[in-house]
Amino acid sequence: MATEYRNLFLREPLITILHSMTPRQLIRNAGDLVSLPEICVRINQLVDDPTSSAEEMAQVISQDASLTARLLKIVNSAFYGFPGRIDTIARAITVIGTRDLRDLALMTAACELFTGVPANLIDMERFWHSSLTCGVLARRLARSCRVLHPDRLFVMGVLHDIGRLVLFQQLPVASRDILLISKGRDDLIVAAEREVFGFTHGDVGYELACDWRLPAPICSAIRWHHLPEQATTDLIECTLVYIANILADSLVWDSEPGVELERVLPGSWQITGLTPVECERAVSEMGDEVRELYAILMRHAPAPQPSLVKPGLPD
């Protein structure tokens, strides 16, 4: 496929130029386009400050009415399923914890961040719907294998493909060509990216997540969600997002989850202790969680049906 890509799309000099770039340089070049709002920077500072309090964090978040409203809708959604209504950010922090709420806040801000991605490369609404599906499934799988703090897997799943958005934004021509030759299939996209750029969207997403000062396990899961066997830390988190992404991909391409699961690396079952049956059950039990979260985070009409979602194919 790599040779085919070279012959059909990019000339050798351009390949050389792209290979001279690094994921770190791409993030620097993007600048303010991928910078989180100031309130997220402040939230990060408070979480990292051992002398700060939950009350201080609640006060900072409450200064942003839009962020506050969306966070409260998320924690009151069927996704969390708490028995009583949570009416304040202070109460939300008490229930789900300071760090988990920080992760939710940063994820929520990220969903509105990428406004400069060419529309002919990707449908952003469909992209986020697919990402939310991955996040919901990653959390469900984490609960099935009794991972500590499974809610953080939701954030990992939602943000796993943010590197693709940076590539679309910064290198739209090469990214479009990669999509065309790979027909939008994840397994082919990664190989084409490595051939053309010398790195993958996972590497770019990792650099961005580090720049945002997200927790190390989230950064690792973003980097290795296609290649969990290469992860040296946070192996179970990387593997869970990897499996969840394959399941979400089955919905994107309207194929049977059981068929897509055949391409899961055998070692992934050993690492997680999961079975294909449990994975298929997670898909069947999602219900309306993705639709509800999509409506909250994207503030749009109901999400498209999974069978219509093709997040990686240009028109």
Protein backbone atom coordinates (compact mmCIF):
# COMPACT_ATOMS: atom_id res chain seq x y z
CA MET A 1 0.00 0.00 0.00
CA ALA A 2 2.85 2.40 0.77
CA THR A 3 4.27 2.13 -2.76
CA GLU A 4 0.82 2.61 -4.21
CA TYR A 5 0.42 5.75 -2.11
CA ARG A 6 3.70 7.20 -3.32
CA ASN A 7 2.93 6.50 -6.96
CA LEU A 8 -0.62 7.80 -6.97
CA PHE A 9 -0.44 10.89 -4.80
CA LEU A 10 2.75 12.38 -3.41
CA ARG A 11 5.96 13.17 -5.19
CA GLU A 12 9.22 12.14 -3.55
CA PRO A 13 10.30 15.71 -2.56
CA LEU A 14 7.06 16.22 -0.64
CA ILE A 15 7.51 12.86 1.10
CA THR A 16 10.94 14.07 2.21
CA ILE A 17 9.53 17.37 3.52
CA LEU A 18 6.80 15.62 5.48
CA HIS A 19 9.28 13.17 6.94
CA SER A 20 11.33 16.09 8.28
CA MET A 21 8.42 17.17 10.49
CA THR A 22 7.70 15.84 13.97
CA PRO A 23 4.45 15.59 15.95
CA ARG A 24 5.85 18.18 18.39
CA GLN A 25 6.43 20.64 15.53
CA LEU A 26 2.88 20.13 14.26
CA ILE A 27 1.46 21.04 17.66
CA ARG A 28 3.69 24.11 17.86
CA ASN A 29 2.66 25.18 14.35
CA ALA A 30 -1.01 24.82 15.25
CA GLY A 31 -0.56 27.28 18.12
CA ASP A 32 -3.77 28.81 19.42
CA LEU A 33 -5.85 26.61 17.11
CA VAL A 34 -5.36 23.69 19.51
CA SER A 35 -4.99 25.62 22.77
CA LEU A 36 -7.48 24.90 25.52
CA PRO A 37 -9.51 27.81 26.98
CA GLU A 38 -7.99 29.66 29.92
CA ILE A 39 -10.49 28.12 32.31
CA CYS A 40 -9.12 24.65 31.50
CA VAL A 41 -5.59 25.85 32.18
CA ARG A 42 -6.76 27.13 35.56
CA ILE A 43 -8.54 23.85 36.34
CA ASN A 44 -5.35 21.96 35.56
CA GLN A 45 -3.37 24.22 37.88
CA LEU A 46 -5.80 23.62 40.73
CA VAL A 47 -5.76 19.85 40.30
CA ASP A 48 -1.95 19.86 40.35
CA ASP A 49 -1.81 22.13 43.41
CA PRO A 50 -1.90 20.08 46.63
CA THR A 51 -2.99 23.16 48.59
CA SER A 52 -6.09 23.82 46.45
CA SER A 53 -9.56 22.70 47.47
CA ALA A 54 -12.61 21.25 45.75
CA GLU A 55 -14.43 24.47 46.57
CA GLU A 56 -11.87 26.50 44.61
CA MET A 57 -12.24 24.24 41.59
CA ALA A 58 -16.02 24.47 41.78
CA GLN A 59 -15.79 28.27 41.87
CA VAL A 60 -13.56 28.37 38.80
CA ILE A 61 -15.75 26.02 36.75
CA SER A 62 -18.93 27.85 37.81
CA GLN A 63 -17.59 31.05 36.25
CA ASP A 64 -18.25 29.46 32.83
CA ALA A 65 -22.01 29.02 32.59
CA SER A 66 -21.87 26.96 29.39
CA LEU A 67 -19.24 24.53 30.70
CA THR A 68 -21.08 24.24 34.01
CA ALA A 69 -24.36 23.41 32.30
CA ARG A 70 -22.84 20.73 30.11
CA LEU A 71 -20.90 19.10 32.94
CA LEU A 72 -24.02 18.93 35.11
CA LYS A 73 -25.99 17.44 32.23
CA ILE A 74 -23.32 14.77 31.78
CA VAL A 75 -23.21 13.76 35.45
CA ASN A 76 -27.03 13.68 35.54
CA SER A 77 -27.30 11.60 32.36
CA ALA A 78 -28.12 7.91 32.06
CA PHE A 79 -24.42 7.40 31.35
CA TYR A 80 -23.64 7.87 35.05
CA GLY A 81 -27.02 6.74 36.35
CA PHE A 82 -26.79 8.40 39.77
CA PRO A 83 -30.01 7.93 41.79
CA GLY A 84 -30.36 11.56 42.89
CA ARG A 85 -30.05 14.78 40.93
CA ILE A 86 -26.74 16.66 41.12
CA ASP A 87 -27.42 20.39 41.00
CA THR A 88 -24.01 21.98 41.63
CA ILE A 89 -20.42 21.53 40.47
CA ALA A 90 -19.37 21.21 44.11
CA ARG A 91 -21.69 18.22 44.48
CA ALA A 92 -20.42 16.75 41.19
CA ILE A 93 -16.86 16.93 42.49
CA THR A 94 -17.92 15.13 45.65
CA VAL A 95 -19.60 12.35 43.67
CA ILE A 96 -17.17 11.68 40.81
CA GLY A 97 -13.96 13.23 42.14
CA THR A 98 -11.78 16.21 41.32
CA ARG A 99 -9.59 14.53 38.72
CA ASP A 100 -12.42 12.80 36.89
CA LEU A 101 -14.34 16.07 36.67
CA ARG A 102 -11.18 17.80 35.41
CA ASP A 103 -10.88 15.17 32.68
CA LEU A 104 -14.54 15.69 31.73
CA ALA A 105 -14.07 19.46 31.59
CA LEU A 106 -11.04 19.21 29.30
CA MET A 107 -12.79 16.67 27.09
CA THR A 108 -15.84 18.93 26.85
CA ALA A 109 -13.69 21.88 25.81
CA ALA A 110 -11.87 19.74 23.24
CA CYS A 111 -15.15 18.84 21.53
CA GLU A 112 -15.58 22.50 20.56
CA LEU A 113 -11.96 23.27 19.80
CA PHE A 114 -11.42 22.07 16.24
CA THR A 115 -13.26 24.54 14.05
CA GLY A 116 -10.71 24.88 11.25
CA VAL A 117 -10.85 21.34 9.88
CA PRO A 118 -11.78 21.37 6.16
CA ALA A 119 -15.35 20.15 5.71
CA ASN A 120 -14.40 18.15 2.62
CA LEU A 121 -12.09 16.03 4.77
CA ILE A 122 -14.39 15.04 7.59
CA ASP A 123 -17.88 15.50 9.00
CA MET A 124 -17.16 16.75 12.50
CA GLU A 125 -20.53 15.75 13.91
CA ARG A 126 -20.03 12.19 12.71
CA PHE A 127 -16.43 12.19 13.92
CA TRP A 128 -17.48 13.05 17.48
CA HIS A 129 -20.34 10.58 17.39
CA SER A 130 -17.87 7.82 16.52
CA SER A 131 -15.48 9.02 19.24
CA LEU A 132 -18.25 9.09 21.84
CA THR A 133 -19.18 5.55 20.88
CA CYS A 134 -15.58 4.49 21.50
CA GLY A 135 -15.61 6.26 24.87
CA VAL A 136 -18.85 4.68 26.06
CA LEU A 137 -17.66 1.24 25.02
CA ALA A 138 -14.23 1.69 26.61
CA ARG A 139 -15.88 2.53 29.93
CA ARG A 140 -18.22 -0.45 29.70
CA LEU A 141 -15.34 -2.79 28.92
CA ALA A 142 -13.29 -1.35 31.78
CA ARG A 143 -16.14 -2.13 34.16
CA SER A 144 -16.40 -5.66 32.80
CA CYS A 145 -12.76 -6.36 33.60
CA ARG A 146 -12.94 -4.43 36.89
CA VAL A 147 -10.42 -1.72 36.09
CA LEU A 148 -10.06 0.93 38.81
CA HIS A 149 -11.69 4.27 38.00
CA PRO A 150 -13.39 3.11 34.77
CA ASP A 151 -14.85 6.55 34.07
CA ARG A 152 -11.46 7.80 32.86
CA LEU A 153 -11.69 5.25 30.02
CA PHE A 154 -14.60 7.28 28.66
CA VAL A 155 -12.37 10.34 28.26
CA MET A 156 -9.62 8.21 26.69
CA GLY A 157 -12.05 6.80 24.16
CA VAL A 158 -13.57 10.15 23.23
CA LEU A 159 -10.17 11.78 22.69
CA HIS A 160 -8.37 8.85 21.10
CA ASP A 161 -8.46 10.30 17.56
CA ILE A 162 -7.70 13.98 18.25
CA GLY A 163 -4.40 13.58 16.42
CA ARG A 164 -6.33 13.02 13.19
CA LEU A 165 -7.97 16.42 13.60
CA VAL A 166 -4.57 18.10 13.96
CA LEU A 167 -3.35 16.39 10.79
CA PHE A 168 -6.50 17.42 8.91
CA GLN A 169 -6.01 20.97 10.14
CA GLN A 170 -2.28 21.29 9.50
CA LEU A 171 -1.69 18.92 6.55
CA PRO A 172 -5.03 18.76 4.71
CA VAL A 173 -3.77 17.76 1.25
CA ALA A 174 -1.67 14.80 2.41
CA SER A 175 -4.40 13.80 4.87
CA ARG A 176 -7.02 13.75 2.14
CA ASP A 177 -4.83 11.57 -0.04
CA ILE A 178 -4.27 9.15 2.84
CA LEU A 179 -8.02 8.88 3.34
CA LEU A 180 -8.58 8.19 -0.33
CA ILE A 181 -6.02 5.43 -0.63
CA SER A 182 -7.05 3.81 2.67
CA LYS A 183 -10.77 4.23 2.02
CA GLY A 184 -11.07 5.50 5.57
CA ARG A 185 -10.20 2.16 7.18
CA ASP A 186 -8.32 2.58 10.45
CA ASP A 187 -5.94 -0.31 9.91
CA LEU A 188 -4.87 1.10 6.53
CA ILE A 189 -4.74 4.74 7.65
CA VAL A 190 -2.09 4.03 10.28
CA ALA A 191 0.22 2.31 7.78
CA ALA A 192 -0.19 5.13 5.25
CA GLU A 193 0.50 7.81 7.87
CA ARG A 194 3.69 6.12 9.00
CA GLU A 195 4.88 5.84 5.39
CA VAL A 196 4.09 9.44 4.47
CA PHE A 197 4.65 11.36 7.71
CA GLY A 198 7.00 9.05 9.57
CA PHE A 199 4.54 9.02 12.47
CA THR A 200 0.83 8.38 13.09
CA HIS A 201 -2.15 10.36 14.31
CA GLY A 202 -1.68 8.55 17.61
CA ASP A 203 1.75 10.16 17.99
CA VAL A 204 0.29 13.59 17.21
CA GLY A 205 -2.60 13.09 19.63
CA TYR A 206 -0.13 12.05 22.33
CA GLU A 207 1.85 15.27 21.93
CA LEU A 208 -1.32 17.34 22.08
CA ALA A 209 -2.59 15.51 25.17
CA CYS A 210 0.78 16.07 26.86
CA ASP A 211 0.59 19.75 25.89
CA TRP A 212 -2.83 19.90 27.55
CA ARG A 213 -1.28 18.24 30.62
CA LEU A 214 -3.73 15.37 30.59
CA PRO A 215 -2.93 12.45 32.92
CA ALA A 216 -0.26 10.04 31.63
CA PRO A 217 -2.66 7.07 31.15
CA ILE A 218 -4.89 9.18 28.88
CA CYS A 219 -1.85 10.29 26.86
CA SER A 220 -0.69 6.69 26.51
CA ALA A 221 -4.11 5.41 25.40
CA ILE A 222 -4.30 8.12 22.74
CA ARG A 223 -0.83 7.23 21.45
CA TRP A 224 -1.24 3.46 21.33
CA HIS A 225 -4.94 2.93 20.57
CA HIS A 226 -3.96 1.17 17.32
CA LEU A 227 -0.76 -0.45 18.59
CA PRO A 228 -1.32 -1.47 22.22
CA GLU A 229 1.36 -4.13 22.01
CA GLN A 230 3.94 -1.33 21.73
CA ALA A 231 2.85 0.40 24.94
CA THR A 232 5.33 0.20 27.81
CA THR A 233 2.99 1.69 30.43
CA ASP A 234 -0.78 1.74 31.03
CA LEU A 235 -1.09 -1.42 28.98
CA ILE A 236 -4.63 -2.35 30.01
CA GLU A 237 -5.96 1.16 29.30
CA CYS A 238 -4.33 1.20 25.85
CA THR A 239 -5.73 -2.25 25.10
CA LEU A 240 -9.27 -1.40 26.22
CA VAL A 241 -9.38 1.70 23.99
CA TYR A 242 -7.93 -0.40 21.16
CA ILE A 243 -10.76 -2.95 21.47
CA ALA A 244 -13.41 -0.24 21.94
CA ASN A 245 -12.16 1.50 18.80
CA ILE A 246 -12.52 -1.72 16.79
CA LEU A 247 -16.07 -2.15 18.11
CA ALA A 248 -16.95 1.47 17.30
CA ASP A 249 -15.46 0.91 13.85
CA SER A 250 -17.85 -2.00 13.33
CA LEU A 251 -20.75 0.39 13.87
CA VAL A 252 -19.19 3.00 11.59
CA TRP A 253 -18.90 0.50 8.76
CA ASP A 254 -22.20 -1.22 9.56
CA SER A 255 -20.52 -4.59 9.99
CA GLU A 256 -20.97 -7.27 12.62
CA PRO A 257 -18.97 -6.61 15.82
CA GLY A 258 -18.11 -10.31 15.97
CA VAL A 259 -16.51 -10.13 12.54
CA GLU A 260 -14.47 -7.02 13.38
CA LEU A 261 -13.31 -8.59 16.65
CA GLU A 262 -11.50 -11.25 14.64
CA ARG A 263 -8.75 -8.70 13.99
CA VAL A 264 -8.15 -8.10 17.71
CA LEU A 265 -4.62 -9.11 18.68
CA PRO A 266 -4.76 -12.43 20.62
CA GLY A 267 -2.70 -10.94 23.43
CA SER A 268 -5.40 -8.32 24.04
CA TRP A 269 -7.77 -10.95 25.39
CA GLN A 270 -5.10 -12.14 27.80
CA ILE A 271 -4.28 -8.64 29.01
CA THR A 272 -7.90 -7.61 29.66
CA GLY A 273 -9.46 -10.95 30.52
CA LEU A 274 -12.34 -10.04 28.21
CA THR A 275 -14.04 -12.32 25.72
CA PRO A 276 -15.62 -11.50 22.35
CA VAL A 277 -19.02 -12.32 23.88
CA GLU A 278 -18.55 -9.68 26.58
CA CYS A 279 -17.53 -7.14 23.94
CA GLU A 280 -20.61 -7.81 21.83
CA ARG A 281 -22.75 -7.53 24.96
CA ALA A 282 -21.25 -4.09 25.65
CA VAL A 283 -22.35 -2.96 22.19
CA SER A 284 -25.88 -4.29 22.68
CA GLU A 285 -26.25 -2.61 26.08
CA MET A 286 -25.23 0.91 25.04
CA GLY A 287 -28.84 1.94 24.48
CA ASP A 288 -29.24 5.71 24.07
CA GLU A 289 -26.12 6.68 26.02
CA VAL A 290 -24.21 7.86 22.96
CA ARG A 291 -27.13 9.90 21.63
CA GLU A 292 -27.72 11.58 24.97
CA LEU A 293 -24.05 12.46 25.45
CA TYR A 294 -23.76 13.66 21.87
CA ALA A 295 -26.69 16.05 22.34
CA ILE A 296 -25.07 17.42 25.51
CA LEU A 297 -21.53 17.81 24.24
CA MET A 298 -22.20 18.93 20.70
CA ARG A 299 -25.36 20.91 21.47
CA HIS A 300 -26.94 19.76 18.21
CA ALA A 301 -29.85 17.67 17.09
CA PRO A 302 -29.73 13.89 17.68
CA ALA A 303 -26.66 12.17 16.28
CA PRO A 304 -26.74 10.31 12.97
CA GLN A 305 -27.46 6.59 13.04
CA PRO A 306 -24.28 4.51 13.48
CA SER A 307 -24.68 2.91 10.06
CA LEU A 308 -24.50 6.36 8.46
CA VAL A 309 -21.34 7.43 10.25
CA LYS A 310 -18.30 7.50 7.97
CA PRO A 311 -15.92 9.78 9.92
CA GLY A 312 -12.88 9.42 7.70
CA LEU A 313 -13.96 9.69 4.08
CA PRO A 314 -13.80 12.96 2.14
CA ASP A 315 -16.67 13.81 -0.19
